[in-house]
PDB file of N, CA and C in Angstrom:
ATOM      1  N   UNK A   1      99.994  87.672 104.896  1.00  0.00           N
ATOM      2  CA  UNK A   1      99.503  86.301 104.745  1.00  0.00           C
ATOM      3  C   UNK A   1     100.688  85.411 104.296  1.00  0.00           C
ATOM      4  N   UNK A   2     100.920  84.350 105.070  1.00  0.00           N
ATOM      5  CA  UNK A   2     101.989  83.556 104.756  1.00  0.00           C
ATOM      6  C   UNK A   2     101.666  82.806 103.344  1.00  0.00           C
ATOM      7  N   UNK A   3     102.724  82.877 102.481  1.00  0.00           N
ATOM      8  CA  UNK A   3     102.565  82.257 101.096  1.00  0.00           C
ATOM      9  C   UNK A   3     102.214  80.786 101.284  1.00  0.00           C
ATOM     10  N   UNK A   4     102.839  80.086 102.159  1.00  0.00           N
ATOM     11  CA  UNK A   4     102.500  78.610 102.305  1.00  0.00           C
ATOM     12  C   UNK A   4     101.152  78.375 102.750  1.00  0.00           C
ATOM     13  N   UNK A   5     100.376  79.444 103.230  1.00  0.00           N
ATOM     14  CA  UNK A   5      98.923  79.340 103.828  1.00  0.00           C
ATOM     15  C   UNK A   5      98.030  79.948 102.737  1.00  0.00           C
ATOM     16  N   UNK A   6      98.375  79.988 101.545  1.00  0.00           N
ATOM     17  CA  UNK A   6      97.553  80.672 100.585  1.00  0.00           C
ATOM     18  C   UNK A   6      96.254  79.929 100.309  1.00  0.00           C
ATOM     19  N   UNK A   7      96.203  78.685 100.781  1.00  0.00           N
ATOM     20  CA  UNK A   7      94.676  78.014 100.615  1.00  0.00           C
ATOM     21  C   UNK A   7      93.869  78.553 101.582  1.00  0.00           C
ATOM     22  N   UNK A   8      94.239  78.903 102.830  1.00  0.00           N
ATOM     23  CA  UNK A   8      93.406  79.379 103.753  1.00  0.00           C
ATOM     24  C   UNK A   8      92.567  80.749 103.328  1.00  0.00           C
ATOM     25  N   UNK A   9      93.287  81.479 102.530  1.00  0.00           N
ATOM     26  CA  UNK A   9      92.841  82.678 102.182  1.00  0.00           C
ATOM     27  C   UNK A   9      91.998  82.632 100.728  1.00  0.00           C
ATOM     28  N   UNK A  10      91.809  81.426 100.208  1.00  0.00           N
ATOM     29  CA  UNK A  10      91.254  81.288  98.866  1.00  0.00           C
ATOM     30  C   UNK A  10      90.051  82.160  98.650  1.00  0.00           C
ATOM     31  N   UNK A  11      89.051  82.065  99.484  1.00  0.00           N
ATOM     32  CA  UNK A  11      87.750  82.758  99.328  1.00  0.00           C
ATOM     33  C   UNK A  11      87.902  84.175  99.209  1.00  0.00           C
ATOM     34  N   UNK A  12      89.015  84.804  99.994  1.00  0.00           N
ATOM     35  CA  UNK A  12      89.349  86.190  99.841  1.00  0.00           C
ATOM     36  C   UNK A  12      89.957  86.716  98.656  1.00  0.00           C
ATOM     37  N   UNK A  13      90.814  85.779  97.920  1.00  0.00           N
ATOM     38  CA  UNK A  13      91.472  86.187  96.725  1.00  0.00           C
ATOM     39  C   UNK A  13      91.144  85.561  95.591  1.00  0.00           C
ATOM     40  N   UNK A  14      89.822  85.250  95.331  1.00  0.00           N
ATOM     41  CA  UNK A  14      89.337  84.769  94.153  1.00  0.00           C
ATOM     42  C   UNK A  14      88.925  85.967  93.201  1.00  0.00           C
ATOM     43  N   UNK A  15      89.738  87.087  93.178  1.00  0.00           N
ATOM     44  CA  UNK A  15      89.491  88.203  92.493  1.00  0.00           C
ATOM     45  C   UNK A  15      90.747  88.657  91.666  1.00  0.00           C
ATOM     46  N   UNK A  16      90.363  89.559  90.658  1.00  0.00           N
ATOM     47  CA  UNK A  16      91.685  90.023  90.051  1.00  0.00           C
ATOM     48  C   UNK A  16      92.352  91.097  90.945  1.00  0.00           C
ATOM     49  N   UNK A  17      93.569  91.397  90.676  1.00  0.00           N
ATOM     50  CA  UNK A  17      94.221  92.486  91.473  1.00  0.00           C
ATOM     51  C   UNK A  17      95.747  92.464  91.258  1.00  0.00           C
ATOM     52  N   UNK A  18      96.421  93.068  92.149  1.00  0.00           N
ATOM     53  CA  UNK A  18      97.776  93.123  92.263  1.00  0.00           C
ATOM     54  C   UNK A  18      98.296  92.430  93.605  1.00  0.00           C
ATOM     55  N   UNK A  19      99.459  91.761  93.616  1.00  0.00           N
ATOM     56  CA  UNK A  19      99.895  91.176  94.734  1.00  0.00           C
ATOM     57  C   UNK A  19     101.367  91.427  94.886  1.00  0.00           C
ATOM     58  N   UNK A  20     101.869  91.390  96.172  1.00  0.00           N
ATOM     59  CA  UNK A  20     103.329  91.454  96.477  1.00  0.00           C
ATOM     60  C   UNK A  20     103.753  90.239  97.266  1.00  0.00           C
ATOM     61  N   UNK A  21     104.993  89.796  97.022  1.00  0.00           N
ATOM     62  CA  UNK A  21     105.728  88.769  97.816  1.00  0.00           C
ATOM     63  C   UNK A  21     106.744  89.255  98.466  1.00  0.00           C
ATOM     64  N   UNK A  22     106.946  88.831  99.644  1.00  0.00           N
ATOM     65  CA  UNK A  22     108.315  89.390 100.378  1.00  0.00           C
ATOM     66  C   UNK A  22     108.180  88.718 101.878  1.00  0.00           C
ATOM     67  N   UNK A  23     108.941  89.441 102.683  1.00  0.00           N
ATOM     68  CA  UNK A  23     109.291  89.014 104.021  1.00  0.00           C
ATOM     69  C   UNK A  23     108.754  89.871 105.062  1.00  0.00           C
ATOM     70  N   UNK A  24     108.516  89.335 106.270  1.00  0.00           N
ATOM     71  CA  UNK A  24     107.994  90.342 107.425  1.00  0.00           C
ATOM     72  C   UNK A  24     109.303  90.274 108.271  1.00  0.00           C
ATOM     73  N   UNK A  25     109.693  91.499 108.604  1.00  0.00           N
ATOM     74  CA  UNK A  25     110.849  91.667 109.527  1.00  0.00           C
ATOM     75  C   UNK A  25     110.470  92.933 110.535  1.00  0.00           C
ATOM     76  N   UNK A  26     110.408  92.290 111.903  1.00  0.00           N
ATOM     77  CA  UNK A  26     110.132  93.242 112.837  1.00  0.00           C
ATOM     78  C   UNK A  26     108.656  93.894 112.709  1.00  0.00           C
ATOM     79  N   UNK A  27     107.732  92.945 112.270  1.00  0.00           N
ATOM     80  CA  UNK A  27     106.487  93.444 112.075  1.00  0.00           C
ATOM     81  C   UNK A  27     106.110  94.292 110.943  1.00  0.00           C
ATOM     82  N   UNK A  28     107.116  94.611 110.013  1.00  0.00           N
ATOM     83  CA  UNK A  28     106.956  95.279 108.785  1.00  0.00           C
ATOM     84  C   UNK A  28     107.166  94.264 107.462  1.00  0.00           C
ATOM     85  N   UNK A  29     106.193  94.495 106.566  1.00  0.00           N
ATOM     86  CA  UNK A  29     106.118  93.693 105.235  1.00  0.00           C
ATOM     87  C   UNK A  29     107.043  94.394 104.414  1.00  0.00           C
ATOM     88  N   UNK A  30     108.099  93.652 103.956  1.00  0.00           N
ATOM     89  CA  UNK A  30     109.115  94.106 102.955  1.00  0.00           C
ATOM     90  C   UNK A  30     108.963  93.453 101.729  1.00  0.00           C
ATOM     91  N   UNK A  31     108.181  93.971 100.697  1.00  0.00           N
ATOM     92  CA  UNK A  31     107.985  93.212  99.438  1.00  0.00           C
ATOM     93  C   UNK A  31     109.332  93.235  98.559  1.00  0.00           C
ATOM     94  N   UNK A  32     109.377  91.985  97.802  1.00  0.00           N
ATOM     95  CA  UNK A  32     110.569  91.802  97.005  1.00  0.00           C
ATOM     96  C   UNK A  32     110.097  91.600  95.556  1.00  0.00           C
ATOM     97  N   UNK A  33     108.674  91.228  95.430  1.00  0.00           N
ATOM     98  CA  UNK A  33     108.174  90.956  94.122  1.00  0.00           C
ATOM     99  C   UNK A  33     106.662  91.563  93.863  1.00  0.00           C
ATOM    100  N   UNK A  34     106.468  92.024  92.912  1.00  0.00           N
ATOM    101  CA  UNK A  34     105.030  92.518  92.486  1.00  0.00           C
ATOM    102  C   UNK A  34     104.578  91.804  91.266  1.00  0.00           C
ATOM    103  N   UNK A  35     103.290  91.504  91.338  1.00  0.00           N
ATOM    104  CA  UNK A  35     102.770  90.817  90.162  1.00  0.00           C
ATOM    105  C   UNK A  35     101.159  91.252  89.889  1.00  0.00           C
ATOM    106  N   UNK A  36     100.570  90.678  89.020  1.00  0.00           N
ATOM    107  CA  UNK A  36      99.179  91.103  88.773  1.00  0.00           C
ATOM    108  C   UNK A  36      98.524  89.754  88.278  1.00  0.00           C
ATOM    109  N   UNK A  37      97.273  89.820  88.553  1.00  0.00           N
ATOM    110  CA  UNK A  37      96.418  88.760  88.203  1.00  0.00           C
ATOM    111  C   UNK A  37      95.262  89.170  87.444  1.00  0.00           C
ATOM    112  N   UNK A  38      94.840  88.877  86.320  1.00  0.00           N
ATOM    113  CA  UNK A  38      93.789  89.353  85.592  1.00  0.00           C
ATOM    114  C   UNK A  38      92.641  88.592  85.833  1.00  0.00           C
ATOM    115  N   UNK A  39      92.492  87.434  86.459  1.00  0.00           N
ATOM    116  CA  UNK A  39      91.403  86.616  86.781  1.00  0.00           C
ATOM    117  C   UNK A  39      91.331  86.617  88.113  1.00  0.00           C
ATOM    118  N   UNK A  40      92.182  85.645  88.841  1.00  0.00           N
ATOM    119  CA  UNK A  40      91.952  85.339  90.288  1.00  0.00           C
ATOM    120  C   UNK A  40      93.608  85.518  90.819  1.00  0.00           C
ATOM    121  N   UNK A  41      93.683  86.319  91.781  1.00  0.00           N
ATOM    122  CA  UNK A  41      95.004  86.343  92.552  1.00  0.00           C
ATOM    123  C   UNK A  41      95.436  84.998  93.070  1.00  0.00           C
ATOM    124  N   UNK A  42      94.268  84.102  93.540  1.00  0.00           N
ATOM    125  CA  UNK A  42      94.553  82.744  94.167  1.00  0.00           C
ATOM    126  C   UNK A  42      95.442  81.877  93.090  1.00  0.00           C
ATOM    127  N   UNK A  43      95.026  82.018  91.763  1.00  0.00           N
ATOM    128  CA  UNK A  43      95.817  81.148  90.874  1.00  0.00           C
ATOM    129  C   UNK A  43      97.216  81.585  90.734  1.00  0.00           C
ATOM    130  N   UNK A  44      97.454  82.943  90.851  1.00  0.00           N
ATOM    131  CA  UNK A  44      98.802  83.232  90.552  1.00  0.00           C
ATOM    132  C   UNK A  44      99.635  83.022  91.863  1.00  0.00           C
ATOM    133  N   UNK A  45      99.160  83.105  93.051  1.00  0.00           N
ATOM    134  CA  UNK A  45      99.867  82.839  94.254  1.00  0.00           C
ATOM    135  C   UNK A  45     100.220  81.496  94.421  1.00  0.00           C
ATOM    136  N   UNK A  46      99.184  80.591  93.898  1.00  0.00           N
ATOM    137  CA  UNK A  46      99.291  79.053  93.848  1.00  0.00           C
ATOM    138  C   UNK A  46     100.563  78.679  92.931  1.00  0.00           C
ATOM    139  N   UNK A  47     100.631  79.430  91.776  1.00  0.00           N
ATOM    140  CA  UNK A  47     101.656  79.053  90.748  1.00  0.00           C
ATOM    141  C   UNK A  47     103.089  79.423  91.578  1.00  0.00           C
ATOM    142  N   UNK A  48     103.110  80.663  92.110  1.00  0.00           N
ATOM    143  CA  UNK A  48     104.298  80.958  92.861  1.00  0.00           C
ATOM    144  C   UNK A  48     104.800  79.999  93.992  1.00  0.00           C
ATOM    145  N   UNK A  49     103.861  79.554  94.823  1.00  0.00           N
ATOM    146  CA  UNK A  49     104.204  78.513  95.819  1.00  0.00           C
ATOM    147  C   UNK A  49     104.583  77.234  95.216  1.00  0.00           C
ATOM    148  N   UNK A  50     103.953  76.852  93.989  1.00  0.00           N
ATOM    149  CA  UNK A  50     104.333  75.599  93.451  1.00  0.00           C
ATOM    150  C   UNK A  50     105.533  75.625  92.556  1.00  0.00           C
ATOM    151  N   UNK A  51     106.288  76.802  92.497  1.00  0.00           N
ATOM    152  CA  UNK A  51     107.422  77.017  91.804  1.00  0.00           C
ATOM    153  C   UNK A  51     107.364  77.110  90.206  1.00  0.00           C
ATOM    154  N   UNK A  52     106.090  77.694  89.819  1.00  0.00           N
ATOM    155  CA  UNK A  52     105.916  77.792  88.374  1.00  0.00           C
ATOM    156  C   UNK A  52     105.550  79.301  88.033  1.00  0.00           C
ATOM    157  N   UNK A  53     105.879  80.154  89.052  1.00  0.00           N
ATOM    158  CA  UNK A  53     105.648  81.548  88.798  1.00  0.00           C
ATOM    159  C   UNK A  53     107.127  82.190  88.606  1.00  0.00           C
ATOM    160  N   UNK A  54     107.304  83.198  89.384  1.00  0.00           N
ATOM    161  CA  UNK A  54     108.585  83.918  89.384  1.00  0.00           C
ATOM    162  C   UNK A  54     109.873  83.020  89.491  1.00  0.00           C
ATOM    163  N   UNK A  55     110.779  83.022  88.679  1.00  0.00           N
ATOM    164  CA  UNK A  55     112.021  82.094  88.835  1.00  0.00           C
ATOM    165  C   UNK A  55     112.679  82.364  90.107  1.00  0.00           C
ATOM    166  N   UNK A  56     112.707  83.532  90.588  1.00  0.00           N
ATOM    167  CA  UNK A  56     113.446  83.950  91.859  1.00  0.00           C
ATOM    168  C   UNK A  56     112.579  83.398  92.991  1.00  0.00           C
ATOM    169  N   UNK A  57     111.431  83.536  93.049  1.00  0.00           N
ATOM    170  CA  UNK A  57     110.500  82.985  94.039  1.00  0.00           C
ATOM    171  C   UNK A  57     110.651  81.436  94.179  1.00  0.00           C
ATOM    172  N   UNK A  58     110.714  80.824  92.762  1.00  0.00           N
ATOM    173  CA  UNK A  58     110.863  79.390  92.771  1.00  0.00           C
ATOM    174  C   UNK A  58     112.272  78.923  93.316  1.00  0.00           C
ATOM    175  N   UNK A  59     113.318  79.772  92.996  1.00  0.00           N
ATOM    176  CA  UNK A  59     114.561  79.475  93.409  1.00  0.00           C
ATOM    177  C   UNK A  59     114.737  79.448  94.979  1.00  0.00           C
ATOM    178  N   UNK A  60     113.930  80.508  95.589  1.00  0.00           N
ATOM    179  CA  UNK A  60     113.785  80.614  96.916  1.00  0.00           C
ATOM    180  C   UNK A  60     113.274  79.431  97.591  1.00  0.00           C
ATOM    181  N   UNK A  61     112.233  78.691  96.994  1.00  0.00           N
ATOM    182  CA  UNK A  61     111.587  77.641  97.413  1.00  0.00           C
ATOM    183  C   UNK A  61     112.399  76.447  97.017  1.00  0.00           C
ATOM    184  N   UNK A  62     113.242  76.333  96.068  1.00  0.00           N
ATOM    185  CA  UNK A  62     114.005  75.287  95.751  1.00  0.00           C
ATOM    186  C   UNK A  62     114.883  74.883  97.071  1.00  0.00           C
ATOM    187  N   UNK A  63     115.339  75.749  97.689  1.00  0.00           N
ATOM    188  CA  UNK A  63     116.104  75.557  98.764  1.00  0.00           C
ATOM    189  C   UNK A  63     115.364  74.986  99.971  1.00  0.00           C
ATOM    190  N   UNK A  64     114.181  75.404 100.212  1.00  0.00           N
ATOM    191  CA  UNK A  64     113.381  75.021 101.283  1.00  0.00           C
ATOM    192  C   UNK A  64     113.891  74.965 102.634  1.00  0.00           C
ATOM    193  N   UNK A  65     114.858  75.728 102.741  1.00  0.00           N
ATOM    194  CA  UNK A  65     115.574  76.050 104.250  1.00  0.00           C
ATOM    195  C   UNK A  65     114.513  76.556 105.238  1.00  0.00           C
ATOM    196  N   UNK A  66     113.974  77.727 104.652  1.00  0.00           N
ATOM    197  CA  UNK A  66     113.014  78.357 105.454  1.00  0.00           C
ATOM    198  C   UNK A  66     111.657  78.671 104.689  1.00  0.00           C
ATOM    199  N   UNK A  67     110.569  78.764 105.292  1.00  0.00           N
ATOM    200  CA  UNK A  67     109.313  78.983 104.490  1.00  0.00           C
ATOM    201  C   UNK A  67     108.613  80.247 105.075  1.00  0.00           C
ATOM    202  N   UNK A  68     109.519  81.244 104.845  1.00  0.00           N
ATOM    203  CA  UNK A  68     108.975  82.625 105.423  1.00  0.00           C
ATOM    204  C   UNK A  68     108.622  83.590 104.492  1.00  0.00           C
ATOM    205  N   UNK A  69     108.218  83.357 103.446  1.00  0.00           N
ATOM    206  CA  UNK A  69     107.636  84.251 102.440  1.00  0.00           C
ATOM    207  C   UNK A  69     106.097  84.654 102.815  1.00  0.00           C
ATOM    208  N   UNK A  70     105.885  86.050 102.677  1.00  0.00           N
ATOM    209  CA  UNK A  70     104.434  86.387 102.924  1.00  0.00           C
ATOM    210  C   UNK A  70     103.903  86.918 101.465  1.00  0.00           C
ATOM    211  N   UNK A  71     102.672  87.288 101.459  1.00  0.00           N
ATOM    212  CA  UNK A  71     102.088  87.891 100.333  1.00  0.00           C
ATOM    213  C   UNK A  71     101.027  88.895 100.995  1.00  0.00           C
ATOM    214  N   UNK A  72     100.824  89.887  99.991  1.00  0.00           N
ATOM    215  CA  UNK A  72      99.910  91.046 100.310  1.00  0.00           C
ATOM    216  C   UNK A  72      99.173  91.371  98.978  1.00  0.00           C
ATOM    217  N   UNK A  73      97.820  91.525  99.087  1.00  0.00           N
ATOM    218  CA  UNK A  73      97.058  91.769  97.927  1.00  0.00           C
ATOM    219  C   UNK A  73      96.456  93.008  97.860  1.00  0.00           C
ATOM    220  N   UNK A  74      95.997  93.417  96.493  1.00  0.00           N
ATOM    221  CA  UNK A  74      95.444  94.657  96.326  1.00  0.00           C
ATOM    222  C   UNK A  74      94.104  94.227  95.410  1.00  0.00           C
ATOM    223  N   UNK A  75      92.933  94.008  95.807  1.00  0.00           N
ATOM    224  CA  UNK A  75      91.932  93.551  94.945  1.00  0.00           C
ATOM    225  C   UNK A  75      91.510  94.891  94.019  1.00  0.00           C
ATOM    226  N   UNK A  76      91.572  94.629  92.799  1.00  0.00           N
ATOM    227  CA  UNK A  76      91.308  95.601  91.832  1.00  0.00           C
ATOM    228  C   UNK A  76      91.183  95.329  90.473  1.00  0.00           C
ATOM    229  N   UNK A  77      90.292  95.806  89.849  1.00  0.00           N
ATOM    230  CA  UNK A  77      90.084  95.648  88.329  1.00  0.00           C
ATOM    231  C   UNK A  77      91.009  96.301  87.422  1.00  0.00           C
ATOM    232  N   UNK A  78      91.908  97.343  88.209  1.00  0.00           N
ATOM    233  CA  UNK A  78      92.714  98.159  87.416  1.00  0.00           C
ATOM    234  C   UNK A  78      94.235  97.594  87.631  1.00  0.00           C
ATOM    235  N   UNK A  79      94.294  96.296  87.584  1.00  0.00           N
ATOM    236  CA  UNK A  79      95.572  95.672  87.975  1.00  0.00           C
ATOM    237  C   UNK A  79      96.756  96.136  87.127  1.00  0.00           C
ATOM    238  N   UNK A  80      96.473  96.331  85.759  1.00  0.00           N
ATOM    239  CA  UNK A  80      97.663  96.599  84.836  1.00  0.00           C
ATOM    240  C   UNK A  80      98.293  97.947  85.244  1.00  0.00           C
ATOM    241  N   UNK A  81      97.530  98.976  85.436  1.00  0.00           N
ATOM    242  CA  UNK A  81      98.026 100.281  85.647  1.00  0.00           C
ATOM    243  C   UNK A  81      98.655 100.330  87.073  1.00  0.00           C
ATOM    244  N   UNK A  82      98.170  99.841  88.092  1.00  0.00           N
ATOM    245  CA  UNK A  82      98.588  99.680  89.316  1.00  0.00           C
ATOM    246  C   UNK A  82      99.975  99.090  89.396  1.00  0.00           C
ATOM    247  N   UNK A  83     100.012  97.917  88.846  1.00  0.00           N
ATOM    248  CA  UNK A  83     101.269  97.204  88.748  1.00  0.00           C
ATOM    249  C   UNK A  83     102.329  97.974  88.151  1.00  0.00           C
ATOM    250  N   UNK A  84     101.990  98.461  86.947  1.00  0.00           N
ATOM    251  CA  UNK A  84     102.982  99.357  86.226  1.00  0.00           C
ATOM    252  C   UNK A  84     103.411 100.594  86.954  1.00  0.00           C
ATOM    253  N   UNK A  85     102.532 101.293  87.520  1.00  0.00           N
ATOM    254  CA  UNK A  85     102.825 102.417  88.360  1.00  0.00           C
ATOM    255  C   UNK A  85     103.772 102.221  89.587  1.00  0.00           C
ATOM    256  N   UNK A  86     103.579 101.180  90.345  1.00  0.00           N
ATOM    257  CA  UNK A  86     104.358 100.641  91.212  1.00  0.00           C
ATOM    258  C   UNK A  86     105.796 100.296  90.886  1.00  0.00           C
ATOM    259  N   UNK A  87     105.937  99.660  89.712  1.00  0.00           N
ATOM    260  CA  UNK A  87     107.120  99.354  89.163  1.00  0.00           C
ATOM    261  C   UNK A  87     107.913 100.535  88.875  1.00  0.00           C
ATOM    262  N   UNK A  88     107.260 101.450  88.347  1.00  0.00           N
ATOM    263  CA  UNK A  88     107.926 102.588  87.895  1.00  0.00           C
ATOM    264  C   UNK A  88     108.271 103.422  89.228  1.00  0.00           C
ATOM    265  N   UNK A  89     107.258 103.565  90.096  1.00  0.00           N
ATOM    266  CA  UNK A  89     107.474 104.460  91.277  1.00  0.00           C
ATOM    267  C   UNK A  89     108.604 103.937  92.043  1.00  0.00           C
ATOM    268  N   UNK A  90     108.788 102.672  92.326  1.00  0.00           N
ATOM    269  CA  UNK A  90     109.843 102.092  93.211  1.00  0.00           C
ATOM    270  C   UNK A  90     110.992 101.546  92.505  1.00  0.00           C
ATOM    271  N   UNK A  91     110.990 101.676  91.189  1.00  0.00           N
ATOM    272  CA  UNK A  91     112.111 101.165  90.332  1.00  0.00           C
ATOM    273  C   UNK A  91     112.146  99.553  90.365  1.00  0.00           C
ATOM    274  N   UNK A  92     112.977  98.869  89.639  1.00  0.00           N
ATOM    275  CA  UNK A  92     113.096  97.474  89.729  1.00  0.00           C
ATOM    276  C   UNK A  92     114.432  97.004  89.528  1.00  0.00           C
ATOM    277  N   UNK A  93     114.590  95.820  89.766  1.00  0.00           N
ATOM    278  CA  UNK A  93     115.887  95.175  89.565  1.00  0.00           C
ATOM    279  C   UNK A  93     117.014  95.355  90.451  1.00  0.00           C
ATOM    280  N   UNK A  94     118.212  95.463  89.750  1.00  0.00           N
ATOM    281  CA  UNK A  94     119.279  95.477  90.715  1.00  0.00           C
ATOM    282  C   UNK A  94     119.710  96.999  91.131  1.00  0.00           C
ATOM    283  N   UNK A  95     119.070  97.779  90.643  1.00  0.00           N
ATOM    284  CA  UNK A  95     119.196  99.189  91.026  1.00  0.00           C
ATOM    285  C   UNK A  95     118.767  99.592  92.545  1.00  0.00           C
ATOM    286  N   UNK A  96     118.488  98.663  93.231  1.00  0.00           N
ATOM    287  CA  UNK A  96     118.120  98.925  94.523  1.00  0.00           C
ATOM    288  C   UNK A  96     116.753  99.309  94.900  1.00  0.00           C
ATOM    289  N   UNK A  97     115.757  99.110  93.806  1.00  0.00           N
ATOM    290  CA  UNK A  97     114.462  99.450  93.839  1.00  0.00           C
ATOM    291  C   UNK A  97     113.608  98.271  94.914  1.00  0.00           C
ATOM    292  N   UNK A  98     112.545  98.854  95.249  1.00  0.00           N
ATOM    293  CA  UNK A  98     111.864  98.103  96.267  1.00  0.00           C
ATOM    294  C   UNK A  98     111.481  96.536  95.778  1.00  0.00           C
ATOM    295  N   UNK A  99     111.133  96.301  94.429  1.00  0.00           N
ATOM    296  CA  UNK A  99     110.826  95.170  93.915  1.00  0.00           C
ATOM    297  C   UNK A  99     111.994  94.407  93.293  1.00  0.00           C
ATOM    298  N   UNK A 100     113.065  94.205  94.111  1.00  0.00           N
ATOM    299  CA  UNK A 100     114.263  93.706  93.539  1.00  0.00           C
ATOM    300  C   UNK A 100     114.272  92.418  92.969  1.00  0.00           C
ATOM    301  N   UNK A 101     113.188  91.563  93.078  1.00  0.00           N
ATOM    302  CA  UNK A 101     112.968  90.239  92.368  1.00  0.00           C
ATOM    303  C   UNK A 101     112.311  90.433  91.210  1.00  0.00           C
ATOM    304  N   UNK A 102     111.744  91.451  90.727  1.00  0.00           N
ATOM    305  CA  UNK A 102     111.153  91.741  89.409  1.00  0.00           C
ATOM    306  C   UNK A 102     112.325  92.114  88.519  1.00  0.00           C
ATOM    307  N   UNK A 103     112.462  91.453  87.449  1.00  0.00           N
ATOM    308  CA  UNK A 103     113.656  91.633  86.614  1.00  0.00           C
ATOM    309  C   UNK A 103     113.393  92.619  85.391  1.00  0.00           C
ATOM    310  N   UNK A 104     111.924  92.765  85.232  1.00  0.00           N
ATOM    311  CA  UNK A 104     111.722  93.652  83.963  1.00  0.00           C
ATOM    312  C   UNK A 104     110.384  94.204  84.045  1.00  0.00           C
ATOM    313  N   UNK A 105     109.951  95.244  83.308  1.00  0.00           N
ATOM    314  CA  UNK A 105     108.624  95.702  83.356  1.00  0.00           C
ATOM    315  C   UNK A 105     107.784  94.706  82.396  1.00  0.00           C
ATOM    316  N   UNK A 106     106.522  94.586  82.540  1.00  0.00           N
ATOM    317  CA  UNK A 106     105.722  93.592  81.913  1.00  0.00           C
ATOM    318  C   UNK A 106     104.768  94.344  81.254  1.00  0.00           C
ATOM    319  N   UNK A 107     104.834  95.424  80.553  1.00  0.00           N
ATOM    320  CA  UNK A 107     103.877  96.234  79.802  1.00  0.00           C
ATOM    321  C   UNK A 107     103.287  95.622  78.708  1.00  0.00           C
TER     322      UNK A 107
END
C-alpha cells in the first residue's frame, strides 16, 4: 500500500500490529523500517506520513522529490515480540540488515 494513500486503508488498519515501510522495486516490496502499533496501525502510519514518526522517514519526506514509499502490515496482538524477533532476525542499522532505517532496538 502506498504510504501517501494510508487514508484509503483506514478501516483495514484500525488494529494493533506490526508494519514495515519501504520501496517496491520490480514488483517486490523492500522494507527499510519496521515498527509496531499497540493500538491502531493507522495512527502510526499517519504519524510517519506527517513527518512525526521515524526521523529517517521524515527526512525522506522532507525532500518531497518522490512520493514512492509503501507500507505493509501484520495485524496482531503480539506486536512486541514480532517486531523484536524481526529486528533480531534481520539485524538493524548500518550493518546491512534488512531494516536499515531502524537505528536501535526498542525493547
